Amino acid sequence: MGLEKLAKTIKSEIKKQEETLAERFINELDLYLIRSRVAERETQEAKTGKYIRPSSYHKCLRQLWYRMKSFPCKENISAKGIRTLEIGTALHEWVQREIFMKPDAPFPYVPVKELSFLNREGVELFTEKQNKFENRPEMEIGWIDKRFTPNHPLYCIVDGVLNPESRYFLFEFKTINPNDFKYLYEPLDEHKKQGALYSLSSSIDNFLFLYLNKATSEWKSFEFYVTEAQKEWAHNRVVTLDTCLVNHVLPPKEVFEMPKYGKGVTNCRFCPYKEFCEKDVSECA
């Protein structure tokens, strides 16, 4: 063992011995969260790795290609990030169960049996059994659509379907940072793209987005209506990804700015497959 590595090991051991119970309590909780999430992600990727998921649809096609080809991922998993995601999930379920699923709800959800698009050939509902087994809210709807990309079907989950004004709206609930919430005057672009893919699959073009400010619990709602042009763009994009995956061809790089991280900061900075992409690697060692 080199001197530098030995010094770090000794320093780490001393720090561990000097930990208070409260400090060890936090550290052990965080380590447990990380271990659990890594195991859960591996299981989930094994189940859904062959699917195209609209929630990731706004990302660079090449990043999605690497992920679906199971290239080694350098994505950082932090306990703080896990806590943030779990709080968001809990808030989702609170909104669904305590508002829309109540008998006297002002905007009651539409039961699965009334949604005709789920009865089409090539479309398979999967949340009806999962909701009961995993205790998910009944209004949450998940389906697999093999019609557009049979090799890598669409894996869709929406927070529910509502029926205000006697017409169906796909409902999506989002938690958002206070800085983004302050300047939110319409759905985020990534959510519009996600919506376009849901619309392509369900033929429901109407959306109601509900955003919750993580810091203040304020919320904003927006109507969004997907156009035929947006659906055509969504269709072309997923077909391109499917074709590249089947033929083992790298999609083109897609570089775009992410202003909320600072002027000139692009999506490439945070990409877990950056090293592969920079060298146009298409074979996993």
Protein backbone atom coordinates (compact mmCIF):
# COMPACT_ATOMS: atom_id res chain seq x y z
CA MET A 1 0.00 0.00 0.00
CA GLY A 2 1.40 3.43 -0.99
CA LEU A 3 2.08 6.04 1.70
CA GLU A 4 -0.67 8.36 0.42
CA LYS A 5 -3.27 5.58 0.42
CA LEU A 6 -2.12 4.42 3.86
CA ALA A 7 -2.44 7.96 5.23
CA LYS A 8 -5.98 8.24 3.86
CA THR A 9 -6.92 4.88 5.38
CA ILE A 10 -5.56 5.87 8.80
CA LYS A 11 -7.30 9.24 8.64
CA SER A 12 -10.58 7.55 7.70
CA GLU A 13 -10.28 5.08 10.60
CA ILE A 14 -9.55 7.86 13.10
CA LYS A 15 -12.51 9.87 11.85
CA LYS A 16 -14.74 6.81 12.16
CA GLN A 17 -13.62 6.19 15.75
CA GLU A 18 -14.31 9.82 16.67
CA GLU A 19 -17.84 9.77 15.26
CA THR A 20 -20.64 10.56 17.64
CA LEU A 21 -23.72 8.36 17.75
CA ALA A 22 -25.72 11.08 15.96
CA GLU A 23 -23.12 11.30 13.16
CA ARG A 24 -22.97 7.51 12.79
CA PHE A 25 -26.78 7.43 12.79
CA ILE A 26 -26.93 9.74 9.74
CA ASN A 27 -24.07 8.00 7.93
CA GLU A 28 -25.59 4.55 8.38
CA LEU A 29 -28.98 5.76 7.17
CA ASP A 30 -27.42 7.28 4.05
CA LEU A 31 -25.38 4.15 3.31
CA TYR A 32 -28.50 2.03 3.67
CA LEU A 33 -30.42 4.28 1.24
CA ILE A 34 -27.63 4.07 -1.34
CA ARG A 35 -27.29 0.27 -1.07
CA SER A 36 -31.04 -0.17 -1.39
CA ARG A 37 -31.29 2.16 -4.38
CA VAL A 38 -28.42 0.47 -6.24
CA ALA A 39 -30.05 -2.94 -5.79
CA GLU A 40 -33.47 -1.57 -6.76
CA ARG A 41 -32.09 0.14 -9.87
CA GLU A 42 -30.38 -3.02 -11.05
CA THR A 43 -33.65 -4.94 -10.68
CA GLN A 44 -35.63 -2.20 -12.43
CA GLU A 45 -33.16 -1.92 -15.31
CA ALA A 46 -33.37 -5.68 -15.82
CA LYS A 47 -37.15 -5.36 -16.14
CA THR A 48 -37.42 -2.21 -18.24
CA GLY A 49 -34.06 -1.81 -19.98
CA LYS A 50 -35.53 -2.91 -23.31
CA TYR A 51 -38.26 -0.26 -23.21
CA ILE A 52 -38.34 3.39 -24.32
CA ARG A 53 -39.52 5.46 -21.35
CA PRO A 54 -41.15 8.86 -21.99
CA SER A 55 -39.80 10.24 -18.68
CA SER A 56 -36.27 10.02 -20.14
CA TYR A 57 -37.36 11.04 -23.61
CA HIS A 58 -36.09 14.64 -23.37
CA LYS A 59 -32.50 13.47 -22.92
CA CYS A 60 -29.91 13.08 -25.67
CA LEU A 61 -30.70 10.09 -27.90
CA ARG A 62 -27.12 8.92 -27.63
CA GLN A 63 -27.36 8.87 -23.83
CA LEU A 64 -30.54 6.77 -24.08
CA TRP A 65 -28.79 4.47 -26.57
CA TYR A 66 -25.89 3.84 -24.17
CA ARG A 67 -28.27 3.21 -21.28
CA MET A 68 -30.43 0.77 -23.21
CA LYS A 69 -27.30 -1.01 -24.46
CA SER A 70 -26.27 -1.47 -20.78
CA PHE A 71 -22.99 0.44 -21.02
CA PRO A 72 -21.31 0.98 -17.62
CA CYS A 73 -22.85 4.06 -16.03
CA LYS A 74 -20.91 6.58 -13.94
CA GLU A 75 -24.06 8.21 -12.66
CA ASN A 76 -23.57 9.45 -9.10
CA ILE A 77 -26.10 8.11 -6.61
CA SER A 78 -26.29 10.28 -3.50
CA ALA A 79 -28.38 9.84 -0.37
CA LYS A 80 -29.64 13.41 -0.73
CA GLY A 81 -30.82 12.71 -4.28
CA ILE A 82 -32.58 9.54 -3.13
CA ARG A 83 -34.35 11.42 -0.33
CA THR A 84 -35.49 14.08 -2.80
CA LEU A 85 -36.91 11.46 -5.17
CA GLU A 86 -38.67 9.56 -2.40
CA ILE A 87 -40.27 12.75 -1.07
CA GLY A 88 -41.50 13.47 -4.61
CA THR A 89 -42.99 9.96 -4.82
CA ALA A 90 -44.72 10.38 -1.46
CA LEU A 91 -46.18 13.71 -2.59
CA HIS A 92 -47.43 12.08 -5.79
CA GLU A 93 -49.29 9.47 -3.80
CA TRP A 94 -50.67 12.07 -1.39
CA VAL A 95 -52.14 14.10 -4.28
CA GLN A 96 -53.58 11.00 -5.90
CA ARG A 97 -55.01 9.30 -2.80
CA GLU A 98 -56.06 12.30 -0.71
CA ILE A 99 -57.53 14.47 -3.48
CA PHE A 100 -58.42 12.78 -6.76
CA MET A 101 -59.33 9.36 -5.37
CA LYS A 102 -61.73 10.70 -2.72
CA PRO A 103 -65.48 10.16 -3.36
CA ASP A 104 -66.17 13.91 -3.23
CA ALA A 105 -63.15 14.97 -5.33
CA PRO A 106 -63.84 18.04 -7.53
CA PHE A 107 -62.07 16.34 -10.44
CA PRO A 108 -62.45 12.57 -9.99
CA TYR A 109 -60.18 10.25 -11.92
CA VAL A 110 -61.35 8.05 -14.79
CA PRO A 111 -61.29 4.28 -14.01
CA VAL A 112 -59.08 2.10 -16.19
CA LYS A 113 -62.05 0.13 -17.58
CA GLU A 114 -63.38 3.29 -19.26
CA LEU A 115 -60.17 3.98 -21.22
CA SER A 116 -60.67 2.45 -24.66
CA PHE A 117 -57.11 3.12 -25.89
CA LEU A 118 -55.87 0.40 -23.53
CA ASN A 119 -57.87 -2.19 -25.49
CA ARG A 120 -56.00 -1.69 -28.76
CA GLU A 121 -53.95 -4.48 -30.30
CA GLY A 122 -50.30 -4.04 -29.34
CA VAL A 123 -51.12 -2.19 -26.11
CA GLU A 124 -50.79 -4.02 -22.79
CA LEU A 125 -51.93 -2.64 -19.43
CA PHE A 126 -49.51 -3.58 -16.65
CA THR A 127 -50.36 -1.49 -13.59
CA GLU A 128 -53.71 -3.03 -12.67
CA LYS A 129 -52.04 -6.00 -10.97
CA GLN A 130 -48.93 -4.06 -9.94
CA ASN A 131 -51.00 -1.39 -8.20
CA LYS A 132 -52.61 -4.01 -5.99
CA PHE A 133 -49.33 -5.87 -5.39
CA GLU A 134 -47.17 -2.76 -4.77
CA ASN A 135 -49.90 -0.66 -3.12
CA ARG A 136 -49.75 2.01 -5.83
CA PRO A 137 -52.66 4.45 -6.22
CA GLU A 138 -55.38 2.92 -8.40
CA MET A 139 -55.61 6.04 -10.58
CA GLU A 140 -52.03 5.57 -11.79
CA ILE A 141 -52.04 3.97 -15.24
CA GLY A 142 -49.17 2.11 -16.86
CA TRP A 143 -49.08 0.40 -20.24
CA ILE A 144 -46.67 -1.00 -22.81
CA ASP A 145 -47.16 0.00 -26.45
CA LYS A 146 -45.55 -2.19 -29.13
CA ARG A 147 -47.18 -0.55 -32.14
CA PHE A 148 -44.54 2.04 -33.06
CA THR A 149 -41.29 0.45 -31.89
CA PRO A 150 -41.91 -3.31 -31.51
CA ASN A 151 -38.26 -4.07 -30.71
CA HIS A 152 -38.16 -1.55 -27.84
CA PRO A 153 -41.78 -0.83 -26.84
CA LEU A 154 -42.93 2.36 -25.16
CA TYR A 155 -43.18 2.03 -21.37
CA CYS A 156 -45.77 4.60 -20.27
CA ILE A 157 -46.95 5.58 -16.78
CA VAL A 158 -49.26 8.55 -16.19
CA ASP A 159 -50.46 9.83 -12.82
CA GLY A 160 -54.06 9.50 -13.93
CA VAL A 161 -56.77 10.48 -16.40
CA LEU A 162 -59.29 13.19 -15.45
CA ASN A 163 -62.57 14.14 -17.09
CA PRO A 164 -63.29 17.85 -16.61
CA GLU A 165 -65.59 19.48 -19.16
CA SER A 166 -66.59 15.98 -20.35
CA ARG A 167 -63.32 15.30 -22.15
CA TYR A 168 -60.32 13.29 -21.10
CA PHE A 169 -57.12 14.93 -19.84
CA LEU A 170 -53.94 13.06 -19.00
CA PHE A 171 -52.87 14.24 -15.55
CA GLU A 172 -49.24 14.73 -14.55
CA PHE A 173 -48.04 15.91 -11.13
CA LYS A 174 -44.53 17.37 -10.81
CA THR A 175 -42.48 18.64 -7.87
CA ILE A 176 -40.13 21.47 -8.76
CA ASN A 177 -37.33 23.57 -7.24
CA PRO A 178 -38.30 27.07 -6.02
CA ASN A 179 -36.04 28.87 -8.53
CA ASP A 180 -37.62 27.03 -11.45
CA PHE A 181 -41.10 27.45 -9.99
CA LYS A 182 -40.72 31.23 -9.78
CA TYR A 183 -40.37 31.59 -13.56
CA LEU A 184 -42.76 28.82 -14.52
CA TYR A 185 -45.41 30.13 -16.91
CA GLU A 186 -46.01 26.96 -18.92
CA PRO A 187 -45.03 23.29 -18.64
CA LEU A 188 -41.30 22.65 -18.85
CA ASP A 189 -40.07 21.61 -22.30
CA GLU A 190 -39.01 18.19 -21.04
CA HIS A 191 -42.54 17.61 -19.76
CA LYS A 192 -44.03 18.73 -23.07
CA LYS A 193 -41.86 16.17 -24.86
CA GLN A 194 -42.90 13.51 -22.39
CA GLY A 195 -46.52 14.51 -22.98
CA ALA A 196 -46.13 14.28 -26.76
CA LEU A 197 -45.09 10.65 -26.45
CA TYR A 198 -47.95 9.83 -24.08
CA SER A 199 -50.32 11.52 -26.50
CA LEU A 200 -48.93 9.56 -29.46
CA SER A 201 -49.60 6.32 -27.62
CA SER A 202 -52.96 7.13 -26.00
CA SER A 203 -54.50 9.45 -28.65
CA ILE A 204 -55.42 11.80 -25.78
CA ASP A 205 -54.03 15.21 -26.69
CA ASN A 206 -55.18 17.13 -23.59
CA PHE A 207 -53.00 17.50 -20.49
CA LEU A 208 -53.34 19.01 -17.04
CA PHE A 209 -50.01 19.60 -15.34
CA LEU A 210 -49.88 20.34 -11.62
CA TYR A 211 -46.57 21.67 -10.25
CA LEU A 212 -45.71 21.84 -6.54
CA ASN A 213 -42.99 24.14 -5.19
CA LYS A 214 -40.75 21.94 -3.02
CA ALA A 215 -39.85 24.81 -0.71
CA THR A 216 -43.18 26.60 -0.17
CA SER A 217 -45.84 24.00 -1.18
CA GLU A 218 -47.37 26.55 -3.59
CA TRP A 219 -48.64 25.08 -6.80
CA LYS A 220 -49.39 26.06 -10.37
CA SER A 221 -51.44 24.29 -13.00
CA PHE A 222 -51.27 24.45 -16.80
CA GLU A 223 -53.34 23.09 -19.64
CA PHE A 224 -51.32 21.69 -22.51
CA TYR A 225 -52.62 20.51 -25.88
CA VAL A 226 -50.36 18.32 -27.99
CA THR A 227 -50.36 19.15 -31.71
CA GLU A 228 -50.12 16.73 -34.62
CA ALA A 229 -46.70 18.19 -35.44
CA GLN A 230 -45.48 17.42 -31.92
CA LYS A 231 -46.75 13.86 -32.14
CA GLU A 232 -45.09 13.39 -35.54
CA TRP A 233 -41.81 14.67 -34.08
CA ALA A 234 -42.19 12.28 -31.13
CA HIS A 235 -42.91 9.37 -33.47
CA ASN A 236 -39.90 10.08 -35.67
CA ARG A 237 -37.64 10.39 -32.65
CA VAL A 238 -38.56 7.08 -31.02
CA VAL A 239 -38.42 5.25 -34.35
CA THR A 240 -34.92 6.70 -34.90
CA LEU A 241 -33.83 5.46 -31.47
CA ASP A 242 -35.33 2.02 -32.06
CA THR A 243 -33.66 1.74 -35.48
CA CYS A 244 -30.27 2.76 -34.06
CA LEU A 245 -30.59 0.21 -31.26
CA VAL A 246 -31.57 -2.64 -33.58
CA ASN A 247 -28.83 -1.86 -36.11
CA HIS A 248 -26.29 -1.05 -33.39
CA VAL A 249 -25.61 2.41 -34.83
CA LEU A 250 -24.77 5.37 -32.61
CA PRO A 251 -27.35 8.18 -32.83
CA PRO A 252 -25.97 11.68 -33.51
CA LYS A 253 -24.77 13.73 -30.55
CA GLU A 254 -27.29 16.21 -29.18
CA VAL A 255 -25.80 19.16 -27.33
CA PHE A 256 -28.11 21.69 -25.72
CA GLU A 257 -27.73 24.31 -23.00
CA MET A 258 -29.07 23.86 -19.48
CA PRO A 259 -29.44 27.48 -18.28
CA LYS A 260 -30.48 26.59 -14.73
CA TYR A 261 -26.94 25.27 -14.13
CA GLY A 262 -25.28 28.42 -15.49
CA LYS A 263 -24.67 30.18 -18.79
CA GLY A 264 -23.03 27.96 -21.37
CA VAL A 265 -23.48 24.74 -19.36
CA THR A 266 -24.62 21.89 -21.61
CA ASN A 267 -26.18 18.49 -21.00
CA CYS A 268 -22.85 16.83 -21.83
CA ARG A 269 -21.36 18.04 -18.54
CA PHE A 270 -23.64 15.79 -16.50
CA CYS A 271 -23.85 12.83 -18.86
CA PRO A 272 -22.85 9.52 -17.20
CA TYR A 273 -21.69 8.21 -20.59
CA LYS A 274 -19.52 11.22 -21.49
CA GLU A 275 -16.29 9.25 -21.87
CA PHE A 276 -17.87 6.81 -24.32
CA CYS A 277 -19.58 9.55 -26.31
CA GLU A 278 -16.47 11.71 -26.72
CA LYS A 279 -14.69 8.79 -28.38
CA ASP A 280 -17.77 7.59 -30.32
CA VAL A 281 -17.49 4.20 -28.59
CA SER A 282 -20.14 1.77 -29.83
CA GLU A 283 -18.85 -1.49 -28.35
CA CYS A 284 -19.15 -2.29 -24.65
CA ALA A 285 -15.98 -3.92 -23.31
